[in-house]
PDB file of N, CA and C in Angstrom:
ATOM      1  N   UNK A   1      41.027  -8.364 -98.048  1.00  0.00           N
ATOM      2  CA  UNK A   1      40.790  -9.775 -98.016  1.00  0.00           C
ATOM      3  C   UNK A   1      41.924 -10.477 -97.272  1.00  0.00           C
ATOM      4  N   UNK A   2      41.586 -11.328 -96.325  1.00  0.00           N
ATOM      5  CA  UNK A   2      42.596 -12.018 -95.532  1.00  0.00           C
ATOM      6  C   UNK A   2      43.163 -13.192 -96.305  1.00  0.00           C
ATOM      7  N   UNK A   3      44.448 -13.369 -96.165  1.00  0.00           N
ATOM      8  CA  UNK A   3      45.100 -14.504 -96.827  1.00  0.00           C
ATOM      9  C   UNK A   3      44.726 -15.785 -96.090  1.00  0.00           C
ATOM     10  N   UNK A   4      44.518 -16.848 -96.849  1.00  0.00           N
ATOM     11  CA  UNK A   4      44.189 -18.119 -96.202  1.00  0.00           C
ATOM     12  C   UNK A   4      45.442 -18.695 -95.561  1.00  0.00           C
ATOM     13  N   UNK A   5      45.260 -19.310 -94.417  1.00  0.00           N
ATOM     14  CA  UNK A   5      46.377 -19.883 -93.686  1.00  0.00           C
ATOM     15  C   UNK A   5      46.593 -21.317 -94.138  1.00  0.00           C
ATOM     16  N   UNK A   6      47.838 -21.732 -94.369  1.00  0.00           N
ATOM     17  CA  UNK A   6      48.089 -23.129 -94.723  1.00  0.00           C
ATOM     18  C   UNK A   6      47.755 -24.035 -93.545  1.00  0.00           C
ATOM     19  N   UNK A   7      47.398 -25.249 -93.849  1.00  0.00           N
ATOM     20  CA  UNK A   7      47.086 -26.226 -92.809  1.00  0.00           C
ATOM     21  C   UNK A   7      48.388 -26.647 -92.151  1.00  0.00           C
ATOM     22  N   UNK A   8      48.539 -26.345 -90.882  1.00  0.00           N
ATOM     23  CA  UNK A   8      49.742 -26.682 -90.143  1.00  0.00           C
ATOM     24  C   UNK A   8      49.447 -27.868 -89.246  1.00  0.00           C
ATOM     25  N   UNK A   9      49.978 -29.056 -89.609  1.00  0.00           N
ATOM     26  CA  UNK A   9      49.703 -30.271 -88.845  1.00  0.00           C
ATOM     27  C   UNK A   9      50.202 -30.170 -87.414  1.00  0.00           C
ATOM     28  N   UNK A  10      51.254 -29.402 -87.168  1.00  0.00           N
ATOM     29  CA  UNK A  10      51.804 -29.320 -85.819  1.00  0.00           C
ATOM     30  C   UNK A  10      50.884 -28.564 -84.875  1.00  0.00           C
ATOM     31  N   UNK A  11      49.836 -27.928 -85.398  1.00  0.00           N
ATOM     32  CA  UNK A  11      48.909 -27.203 -84.549  1.00  0.00           C
ATOM     33  C   UNK A  11      47.782 -28.088 -84.046  1.00  0.00           C
ATOM     34  N   UNK A  12      47.790 -29.357 -84.408  1.00  0.00           N
ATOM     35  CA  UNK A  12      46.750 -30.267 -83.933  1.00  0.00           C
ATOM     36  C   UNK A  12      46.922 -30.481 -82.432  1.00  0.00           C
ATOM     37  N   UNK A  13      45.814 -30.442 -81.687  1.00  0.00           N
ATOM     38  CA  UNK A  13      45.904 -30.640 -80.237  1.00  0.00           C
ATOM     39  C   UNK A  13      46.209 -32.100 -79.894  1.00  0.00           C
ATOM     40  N   UNK A  14      46.723 -32.347 -78.703  1.00  0.00           N
ATOM     41  CA  UNK A  14      46.979 -33.724 -78.284  1.00  0.00           C
ATOM     42  C   UNK A  14      45.664 -34.497 -78.150  1.00  0.00           C
ATOM     43  N   UNK A  15      45.749 -35.789 -78.384  1.00  0.00           N
ATOM     44  CA  UNK A  15      44.565 -36.641 -78.324  1.00  0.00           C
ATOM     45  C   UNK A  15      44.855 -37.865 -77.448  1.00  0.00           C
ATOM     46  N   UNK A  16      43.800 -38.399 -76.856  1.00  0.00           N
ATOM     47  CA  UNK A  16      43.899 -39.671 -76.147  1.00  0.00           C
ATOM     48  C   UNK A  16      43.676 -40.761 -77.185  1.00  0.00           C
ATOM     49  N   UNK A  17      44.559 -41.736 -77.221  1.00  0.00           N
ATOM     50  CA  UNK A  17      44.458 -42.787 -78.237  1.00  0.00           C
ATOM     51  C   UNK A  17      44.879 -44.133 -77.653  1.00  0.00           C
ATOM     52  N   UNK A  18      44.182 -45.182 -78.112  1.00  0.00           N
ATOM     53  CA  UNK A  18      44.536 -46.556 -77.755  1.00  0.00           C
ATOM     54  C   UNK A  18      44.709 -47.345 -79.043  1.00  0.00           C
ATOM     55  N   UNK A  19      45.753 -48.148 -79.080  1.00  0.00           N
ATOM     56  CA  UNK A  19      45.968 -49.055 -80.199  1.00  0.00           C
ATOM     57  C   UNK A  19      45.739 -50.468 -79.671  1.00  0.00           C
ATOM     58  N   UNK A  20      44.828 -51.199 -80.309  1.00  0.00           N
ATOM     59  CA  UNK A  20      44.527 -52.579 -79.948  1.00  0.00           C
ATOM     60  C   UNK A  20      45.083 -53.448 -81.073  1.00  0.00           C
ATOM     61  N   UNK A  21      45.967 -54.380 -80.737  1.00  0.00           N
ATOM     62  CA  UNK A  21      46.640 -55.192 -81.744  1.00  0.00           C
ATOM     63  C   UNK A  21      46.455 -56.677 -81.482  1.00  0.00           C
ATOM     64  N   UNK A  22      46.411 -57.431 -82.554  1.00  0.00           N
ATOM     65  CA  UNK A  22      46.504 -58.881 -82.510  1.00  0.00           C
ATOM     66  C   UNK A  22      47.745 -59.257 -83.306  1.00  0.00           C
ATOM     67  N   UNK A  23      48.547 -60.149 -82.740  1.00  0.00           N
ATOM     68  CA  UNK A  23      49.808 -60.500 -83.393  1.00  0.00           C
ATOM     69  C   UNK A  23      50.192 -61.935 -83.065  1.00  0.00           C
ATOM     70  N   UNK A  24      51.163 -62.424 -83.828  1.00  0.00           N
ATOM     71  CA  UNK A  24      51.735 -63.731 -83.547  1.00  0.00           C
ATOM     72  C   UNK A  24      52.558 -63.626 -82.267  1.00  0.00           C
ATOM     73  N   UNK A  25      52.434 -64.585 -81.345  1.00  0.00           N
ATOM     74  CA  UNK A  25      53.223 -64.532 -80.105  1.00  0.00           C
ATOM     75  C   UNK A  25      54.669 -64.969 -80.364  1.00  0.00           C
ATOM     76  N   UNK A  26      55.509 -63.994 -80.652  1.00  0.00           N
ATOM     77  CA  UNK A  26      56.910 -64.267 -80.976  1.00  0.00           C
ATOM     78  C   UNK A  26      57.829 -63.530 -80.014  1.00  0.00           C
ATOM     79  N   UNK A  27      59.005 -64.102 -79.737  1.00  0.00           N
ATOM     80  CA  UNK A  27      59.987 -63.375 -78.936  1.00  0.00           C
ATOM     81  C   UNK A  27      60.346 -62.056 -79.627  1.00  0.00           C
ATOM     82  N   UNK A  28      60.448 -61.000 -78.859  1.00  0.00           N
ATOM     83  CA  UNK A  28      60.817 -59.707 -79.418  1.00  0.00           C
ATOM     84  C   UNK A  28      59.647 -58.877 -79.915  1.00  0.00           C
ATOM     85  N   UNK A  29      58.431 -59.420 -79.878  1.00  0.00           N
ATOM     86  CA  UNK A  29      57.273 -58.671 -80.376  1.00  0.00           C
ATOM     87  C   UNK A  29      57.054 -57.383 -79.599  1.00  0.00           C
ATOM     88  N   UNK A  30      57.016 -57.460 -78.273  1.00  0.00           N
ATOM     89  CA  UNK A  30      56.668 -56.286 -77.473  1.00  0.00           C
ATOM     90  C   UNK A  30      57.676 -55.141 -77.642  1.00  0.00           C
ATOM     91  N   UNK A  31      58.987 -55.390 -77.628  1.00  0.00           N
ATOM     92  CA  UNK A  31      59.912 -54.277 -77.887  1.00  0.00           C
ATOM     93  C   UNK A  31      59.731 -53.668 -79.285  1.00  0.00           C
ATOM     94  N   UNK A  32      59.424 -54.521 -80.280  1.00  0.00           N
ATOM     95  CA  UNK A  32      59.203 -53.988 -81.639  1.00  0.00           C
ATOM     96  C   UNK A  32      57.979 -53.086 -81.674  1.00  0.00           C
ATOM     97  N   UNK A  33      56.965 -53.392 -80.867  1.00  0.00           N
ATOM     98  CA  UNK A  33      55.764 -52.551 -80.839  1.00  0.00           C
ATOM     99  C   UNK A  33      56.019 -51.204 -80.166  1.00  0.00           C
ATOM    100  N   UNK A  34      57.004 -51.141 -79.291  1.00  0.00           N
ATOM    101  CA  UNK A  34      57.313 -49.885 -78.605  1.00  0.00           C
ATOM    102  C   UNK A  34      58.225 -48.957 -79.420  1.00  0.00           C
ATOM    103  N   UNK A  35      58.891 -49.483 -80.432  1.00  0.00           N
ATOM    104  CA  UNK A  35      59.828 -48.669 -81.224  1.00  0.00           C
ATOM    105  C   UNK A  35      59.194 -47.433 -81.858  1.00  0.00           C
ATOM    106  N   UNK A  36      57.994 -47.528 -82.473  1.00  0.00           N
ATOM    107  CA  UNK A  36      57.419 -46.317 -83.073  1.00  0.00           C
ATOM    108  C   UNK A  36      57.187 -45.188 -82.068  1.00  0.00           C
ATOM    109  N   UNK A  37      56.960 -45.539 -80.815  1.00  0.00           N
ATOM    110  CA  UNK A  37      56.773 -44.532 -79.773  1.00  0.00           C
ATOM    111  C   UNK A  37      58.123 -43.971 -79.342  1.00  0.00           C
ATOM    112  N   UNK A  38      59.088 -44.868 -79.114  1.00  0.00           N
ATOM    113  CA  UNK A  38      60.401 -44.453 -78.627  1.00  0.00           C
ATOM    114  C   UNK A  38      61.109 -43.517 -79.601  1.00  0.00           C
ATOM    115  N   UNK A  39      60.997 -43.798 -80.906  1.00  0.00           N
ATOM    116  CA  UNK A  39      61.714 -42.946 -81.868  1.00  0.00           C
ATOM    117  C   UNK A  39      61.083 -41.552 -81.990  1.00  0.00           C
ATOM    118  N   UNK A  40      59.892 -41.375 -81.418  1.00  0.00           N
ATOM    119  CA  UNK A  40      59.239 -40.056 -81.374  1.00  0.00           C
ATOM    120  C   UNK A  40      59.254 -39.473 -79.969  1.00  0.00           C
ATOM    121  N   UNK A  41      60.052 -40.085 -79.084  1.00  0.00           N
ATOM    122  CA  UNK A  41      60.200 -39.640 -77.702  1.00  0.00           C
ATOM    123  C   UNK A  41      58.862 -39.654 -76.957  1.00  0.00           C
ATOM    124  N   UNK A  42      58.040 -40.686 -77.221  1.00  0.00           N
ATOM    125  CA  UNK A  42      56.753 -40.852 -76.556  1.00  0.00           C
ATOM    126  C   UNK A  42      56.800 -42.071 -75.649  1.00  0.00           C
ATOM    127  N   UNK A  43      56.265 -41.938 -74.458  1.00  0.00           N
ATOM    128  CA  UNK A  43      56.177 -43.053 -73.521  1.00  0.00           C
ATOM    129  C   UNK A  43      54.709 -43.381 -73.301  1.00  0.00           C
ATOM    130  N   UNK A  44      54.279 -44.584 -73.656  1.00  0.00           N
ATOM    131  CA  UNK A  44      52.876 -44.944 -73.435  1.00  0.00           C
ATOM    132  C   UNK A  44      52.501 -44.855 -71.955  1.00  0.00           C
ATOM    133  N   UNK A  45      51.260 -44.444 -71.702  1.00  0.00           N
ATOM    134  CA  UNK A  45      50.749 -44.398 -70.333  1.00  0.00           C
ATOM    135  C   UNK A  45      50.343 -45.790 -69.864  1.00  0.00           C
ATOM    136  N   UNK A  46      49.996 -46.642 -70.809  1.00  0.00           N
ATOM    137  CA  UNK A  46      49.557 -47.990 -70.450  1.00  0.00           C
ATOM    138  C   UNK A  46      49.926 -48.944 -71.582  1.00  0.00           C
ATOM    139  N   UNK A  47      50.426 -50.106 -71.188  1.00  0.00           N
ATOM    140  CA  UNK A  47      50.650 -51.180 -72.156  1.00  0.00           C
ATOM    141  C   UNK A  47      50.241 -52.470 -71.474  1.00  0.00           C
ATOM    142  N   UNK A  48      49.422 -53.227 -72.153  1.00  0.00           N
ATOM    143  CA  UNK A  48      48.870 -54.450 -71.593  1.00  0.00           C
ATOM    144  C   UNK A  48      48.907 -55.509 -72.672  1.00  0.00           C
ATOM    145  N   UNK A  49      49.239 -56.740 -72.291  1.00  0.00           N
ATOM    146  CA  UNK A  49      49.243 -57.815 -73.274  1.00  0.00           C
ATOM    147  C   UNK A  49      48.898 -59.138 -72.606  1.00  0.00           C
ATOM    148  N   UNK A  50      48.320 -60.018 -73.393  1.00  0.00           N
ATOM    149  CA  UNK A  50      48.102 -61.390 -72.944  1.00  0.00           C
ATOM    150  C   UNK A  50      47.980 -62.280 -74.171  1.00  0.00           C
ATOM    151  N   UNK A  51      48.294 -63.553 -73.949  1.00  0.00           N
ATOM    152  CA  UNK A  51      48.249 -64.516 -75.043  1.00  0.00           C
ATOM    153  C   UNK A  51      47.072 -65.455 -74.841  1.00  0.00           C
ATOM    154  N   UNK A  52      46.321 -65.681 -75.899  1.00  0.00           N
ATOM    155  CA  UNK A  52      45.236 -66.650 -75.912  1.00  0.00           C
ATOM    156  C   UNK A  52      45.492 -67.560 -77.101  1.00  0.00           C
ATOM    157  N   UNK A  53      45.728 -68.817 -76.808  1.00  0.00           N
ATOM    158  CA  UNK A  53      46.055 -69.801 -77.844  1.00  0.00           C
ATOM    159  C   UNK A  53      47.209 -69.275 -78.696  1.00  0.00           C
ATOM    160  N   UNK A  54      46.992 -69.074 -79.977  1.00  0.00           N
ATOM    161  CA  UNK A  54      48.059 -68.640 -80.872  1.00  0.00           C
ATOM    162  C   UNK A  54      48.033 -67.167 -81.212  1.00  0.00           C
ATOM    163  N   UNK A  55      47.409 -66.353 -80.363  1.00  0.00           N
ATOM    164  CA  UNK A  55      47.328 -64.924 -80.649  1.00  0.00           C
ATOM    165  C   UNK A  55      47.728 -64.110 -79.427  1.00  0.00           C
ATOM    166  N   UNK A  56      48.577 -63.120 -79.639  1.00  0.00           N
ATOM    167  CA  UNK A  56      48.939 -62.157 -78.609  1.00  0.00           C
ATOM    168  C   UNK A  56      48.051 -60.933 -78.793  1.00  0.00           C
ATOM    169  N   UNK A  57      47.326 -60.554 -77.740  1.00  0.00           N
ATOM    170  CA  UNK A  57      46.485 -59.348 -77.750  1.00  0.00           C
ATOM    171  C   UNK A  57      47.244 -58.269 -76.983  1.00  0.00           C
ATOM    172  N   UNK A  58      47.381 -57.095 -77.587  1.00  0.00           N
ATOM    173  CA  UNK A  58      48.166 -56.014 -76.993  1.00  0.00           C
ATOM    174  C   UNK A  58      47.367 -54.721 -77.061  1.00  0.00           C
ATOM    175  N   UNK A  59      47.412 -53.960 -75.976  1.00  0.00           N
ATOM    176  CA  UNK A  59      46.839 -52.607 -75.946  1.00  0.00           C
ATOM    177  C   UNK A  59      47.944 -51.651 -75.547  1.00  0.00           C
ATOM    178  N   UNK A  60      48.083 -50.567 -76.316  1.00  0.00           N
ATOM    179  CA  UNK A  60      49.042 -49.510 -75.997  1.00  0.00           C
ATOM    180  C   UNK A  60      48.255 -48.207 -76.012  1.00  0.00           C
ATOM    181  N   UNK A  61      48.305 -47.455 -74.899  1.00  0.00           N
ATOM    182  CA  UNK A  61      47.495 -46.248 -74.786  1.00  0.00           C
ATOM    183  C   UNK A  61      48.319 -45.053 -74.335  1.00  0.00           C
ATOM    184  N   UNK A  62      47.958 -43.902 -74.883  1.00  0.00           N
ATOM    185  CA  UNK A  62      48.530 -42.622 -74.474  1.00  0.00           C
ATOM    186  C   UNK A  62      47.381 -41.667 -74.189  1.00  0.00           C
ATOM    187  N   UNK A  63      47.508 -40.913 -73.120  1.00  0.00           N
ATOM    188  CA  UNK A  63      46.457 -39.954 -72.755  1.00  0.00           C
ATOM    189  C   UNK A  63      46.590 -38.647 -73.534  1.00  0.00           C
ATOM    190  N   UNK A  64      47.778 -38.314 -73.975  1.00  0.00           N
ATOM    191  CA  UNK A  64      47.990 -37.055 -74.702  1.00  0.00           C
ATOM    192  C   UNK A  64      49.062 -37.252 -75.769  1.00  0.00           C
ATOM    193  N   UNK A  65      48.663 -37.822 -76.892  1.00  0.00           N
ATOM    194  CA  UNK A  65      49.584 -38.058 -78.003  1.00  0.00           C
ATOM    195  C   UNK A  65      49.449 -36.906 -78.999  1.00  0.00           C
ATOM    196  N   UNK A  66      50.564 -36.382 -79.512  1.00  0.00           N
ATOM    197  CA  UNK A  66      50.453 -35.328 -80.518  1.00  0.00           C
ATOM    198  C   UNK A  66      49.615 -35.803 -81.704  1.00  0.00           C
ATOM    199  N   UNK A  67      48.583 -35.047 -82.041  1.00  0.00           N
ATOM    200  CA  UNK A  67      47.647 -35.455 -83.084  1.00  0.00           C
ATOM    201  C   UNK A  67      48.293 -35.706 -84.430  1.00  0.00           C
ATOM    202  N   UNK A  68      49.375 -34.987 -84.717  1.00  0.00           N
ATOM    203  CA  UNK A  68      49.995 -35.108 -86.037  1.00  0.00           C
ATOM    204  C   UNK A  68      50.782 -36.399 -86.226  1.00  0.00           C
ATOM    205  N   UNK A  69      51.056 -37.155 -85.157  1.00  0.00           N
ATOM    206  CA  UNK A  69      51.820 -38.390 -85.313  1.00  0.00           C
ATOM    207  C   UNK A  69      50.980 -39.655 -85.146  1.00  0.00           C
ATOM    208  N   UNK A  70      49.706 -39.514 -84.845  1.00  0.00           N
ATOM    209  CA  UNK A  70      48.861 -40.697 -84.615  1.00  0.00           C
ATOM    210  C   UNK A  70      48.870 -41.613 -85.826  1.00  0.00           C
ATOM    211  N   UNK A  71      48.648 -41.051 -87.015  1.00  0.00           N
ATOM    212  CA  UNK A  71      48.598 -41.900 -88.217  1.00  0.00           C
ATOM    213  C   UNK A  71      49.970 -42.487 -88.554  1.00  0.00           C
ATOM    214  N   UNK A  72      51.044 -41.789 -88.215  1.00  0.00           N
ATOM    215  CA  UNK A  72      52.389 -42.308 -88.463  1.00  0.00           C
ATOM    216  C   UNK A  72      52.689 -43.519 -87.577  1.00  0.00           C
ATOM    217  N   UNK A  73      52.357 -43.400 -86.288  1.00  0.00           N
ATOM    218  CA  UNK A  73      52.575 -44.511 -85.360  1.00  0.00           C
ATOM    219  C   UNK A  73      51.700 -45.695 -85.753  1.00  0.00           C
ATOM    220  N   UNK A  74      50.451 -45.429 -86.119  1.00  0.00           N
ATOM    221  CA  UNK A  74      49.564 -46.518 -86.544  1.00  0.00           C
ATOM    222  C   UNK A  74      50.148 -47.260 -87.747  1.00  0.00           C
ATOM    223  N   UNK A  75      50.663 -46.529 -88.707  1.00  0.00           N
ATOM    224  CA  UNK A  75      51.290 -47.158 -89.878  1.00  0.00           C
ATOM    225  C   UNK A  75      52.509 -47.983 -89.503  1.00  0.00           C
ATOM    226  N   UNK A  76      53.315 -47.457 -88.574  1.00  0.00           N
ATOM    227  CA  UNK A  76      54.489 -48.215 -88.112  1.00  0.00           C
ATOM    228  C   UNK A  76      54.078 -49.497 -87.402  1.00  0.00           C
ATOM    229  N   UNK A  77      53.020 -49.431 -86.594  1.00  0.00           N
ATOM    230  CA  UNK A  77      52.547 -50.627 -85.888  1.00  0.00           C
ATOM    231  C   UNK A  77      52.050 -51.680 -86.877  1.00  0.00           C
ATOM    232  N   UNK A  78      51.358 -51.231 -87.915  1.00  0.00           N
ATOM    233  CA  UNK A  78      50.849 -52.168 -88.927  1.00  0.00           C
ATOM    234  C   UNK A  78      51.979 -52.887 -89.663  1.00  0.00           C
ATOM    235  N   UNK A  79      53.145 -52.244 -89.741  1.00  0.00           N
ATOM    236  CA  UNK A  79      54.252 -52.837 -90.494  1.00  0.00           C
ATOM    237  C   UNK A  79      55.163 -53.737 -89.650  1.00  0.00           C
ATOM    238  N   UNK A  80      54.892 -53.850 -88.353  1.00  0.00           N
ATOM    239  CA  UNK A  80      55.706 -54.713 -87.495  1.00  0.00           C
ATOM    240  C   UNK A  80      55.463 -56.173 -87.890  1.00  0.00           C
ATOM    241  N   UNK A  81      56.538 -56.911 -88.056  1.00  0.00           N
ATOM    242  CA  UNK A  81      56.445 -58.318 -88.433  1.00  0.00           C
ATOM    243  C   UNK A  81      55.647 -59.082 -87.379  1.00  0.00           C
ATOM    244  N   UNK A  82      54.650 -59.830 -87.832  1.00  0.00           N
ATOM    245  CA  UNK A  82      53.835 -60.633 -86.938  1.00  0.00           C
ATOM    246  C   UNK A  82      52.509 -60.003 -86.553  1.00  0.00           C
ATOM    247  N   UNK A  83      52.359 -58.696 -86.796  1.00  0.00           N
ATOM    248  CA  UNK A  83      51.102 -58.024 -86.452  1.00  0.00           C
ATOM    249  C   UNK A  83      50.041 -58.399 -87.475  1.00  0.00           C
ATOM    250  N   UNK A  84      48.919 -58.884 -86.987  1.00  0.00           N
ATOM    251  CA  UNK A  84      47.812 -59.297 -87.853  1.00  0.00           C
ATOM    252  C   UNK A  84      46.786 -58.186 -88.043  1.00  0.00           C
ATOM    253  N   UNK A  85      46.506 -57.431 -86.974  1.00  0.00           N
ATOM    254  CA  UNK A  85      45.515 -56.355 -87.080  1.00  0.00           C
ATOM    255  C   UNK A  85      45.814 -55.265 -86.064  1.00  0.00           C
ATOM    256  N   UNK A  86      45.444 -54.036 -86.432  1.00  0.00           N
ATOM    257  CA  UNK A  86      45.582 -52.877 -85.556  1.00  0.00           C
ATOM    258  C   UNK A  86      44.262 -52.120 -85.591  1.00  0.00           C
ATOM    259  N   UNK A  87      43.716 -51.861 -84.416  1.00  0.00           N
ATOM    260  CA  UNK A  87      42.518 -51.032 -84.306  1.00  0.00           C
ATOM    261  C   UNK A  87      42.874 -49.824 -83.457  1.00  0.00           C
ATOM    262  N   UNK A  88      42.541 -48.640 -83.970  1.00  0.00           N
ATOM    263  CA  UNK A  88      42.829 -47.415 -83.233  1.00  0.00           C
ATOM    264  C   UNK A  88      41.533 -46.909 -82.621  1.00  0.00           C
ATOM    265  N   UNK A  89      41.580 -46.596 -81.336  1.00  0.00           N
ATOM    266  CA  UNK A  89      40.458 -46.005 -80.631  1.00  0.00           C
ATOM    267  C   UNK A  89      40.912 -44.628 -80.201  1.00  0.00           C
ATOM    268  N   UNK A  90      40.299 -43.605 -80.779  1.00  0.00           N
ATOM    269  CA  UNK A  90      40.720 -42.223 -80.518  1.00  0.00           C
ATOM    270  C   UNK A  90      39.559 -41.483 -79.887  1.00  0.00           C
ATOM    271  N   UNK A  91      39.777 -40.903 -78.722  1.00  0.00           N
ATOM    272  CA  UNK A  91      38.676 -40.252 -78.031  1.00  0.00           C
ATOM    273  C   UNK A  91      38.747 -38.733 -78.132  1.00  0.00           C
ATOM    274  N   UNK A  92      38.960 -38.220 -79.334  1.00  0.00           N
ATOM    275  CA  UNK A  92      38.875 -36.791 -79.589  1.00  0.00           C
ATOM    276  C   UNK A  92      39.996 -35.981 -78.987  1.00  0.00           C
ATOM    277  N   UNK A  93      39.934 -34.704 -79.243  1.00  0.00           N
ATOM    278  CA  UNK A  93      40.951 -33.781 -78.754  1.00  0.00           C
ATOM    279  C   UNK A  93      40.768 -33.532 -77.253  1.00  0.00           C
ATOM    280  N   UNK A  94      41.868 -33.438 -76.550  1.00  0.00           N
ATOM    281  CA  UNK A  94      41.827 -33.131 -75.130  1.00  0.00           C
ATOM    282  C   UNK A  94      41.793 -31.615 -74.945  1.00  0.00           C
ATOM    283  N   UNK A  95      41.117 -31.192 -73.930  1.00  0.00           N
ATOM    284  CA  UNK A  95      41.089 -29.755 -73.620  1.00  0.00           C
ATOM    285  C   UNK A  95      42.413 -29.373 -72.994  1.00  0.00           C
ATOM    286  N   UNK A  96      42.902 -28.232 -73.394  1.00  0.00           N
ATOM    287  CA  UNK A  96      44.139 -27.750 -72.802  1.00  0.00           C
ATOM    288  C   UNK A  96      43.803 -26.902 -71.586  1.00  0.00           C
ATOM    289  N   UNK A  97      44.574 -27.088 -70.530  1.00  0.00           N
ATOM    290  CA  UNK A  97      44.346 -26.338 -69.302  1.00  0.00           C
ATOM    291  C   UNK A  97      44.907 -24.948 -69.468  1.00  0.00           C
ATOM    292  N   UNK A  98      44.100 -23.948 -69.126  1.00  0.00           N
ATOM    293  CA  UNK A  98      44.532 -22.547 -69.269  1.00  0.00           C
ATOM    294  C   UNK A  98      45.397 -22.131 -68.111  1.00  0.00           C
TER     295      UNK A  98
END
């Protein structure tokens, strides 16, 4: 009988993910949103923002984010002062090139 293997989160394949945020338009908001990525040595492939009336809309996207940190970064983004909502758009696991 084969022994069952423990679930190893580090074996999750990279995923393409976009975070869509609405926040209060405050000085220092954008650098605070990048901190969860920087402390994990991740550089977003795309970051876009614009202000409409009293709301800052921000999109931060990575084409190949380690799957095991997606929920951690999402939690960090939700805790940034001024953030009203975070929506994660995840487009499944990316195929690895052989």
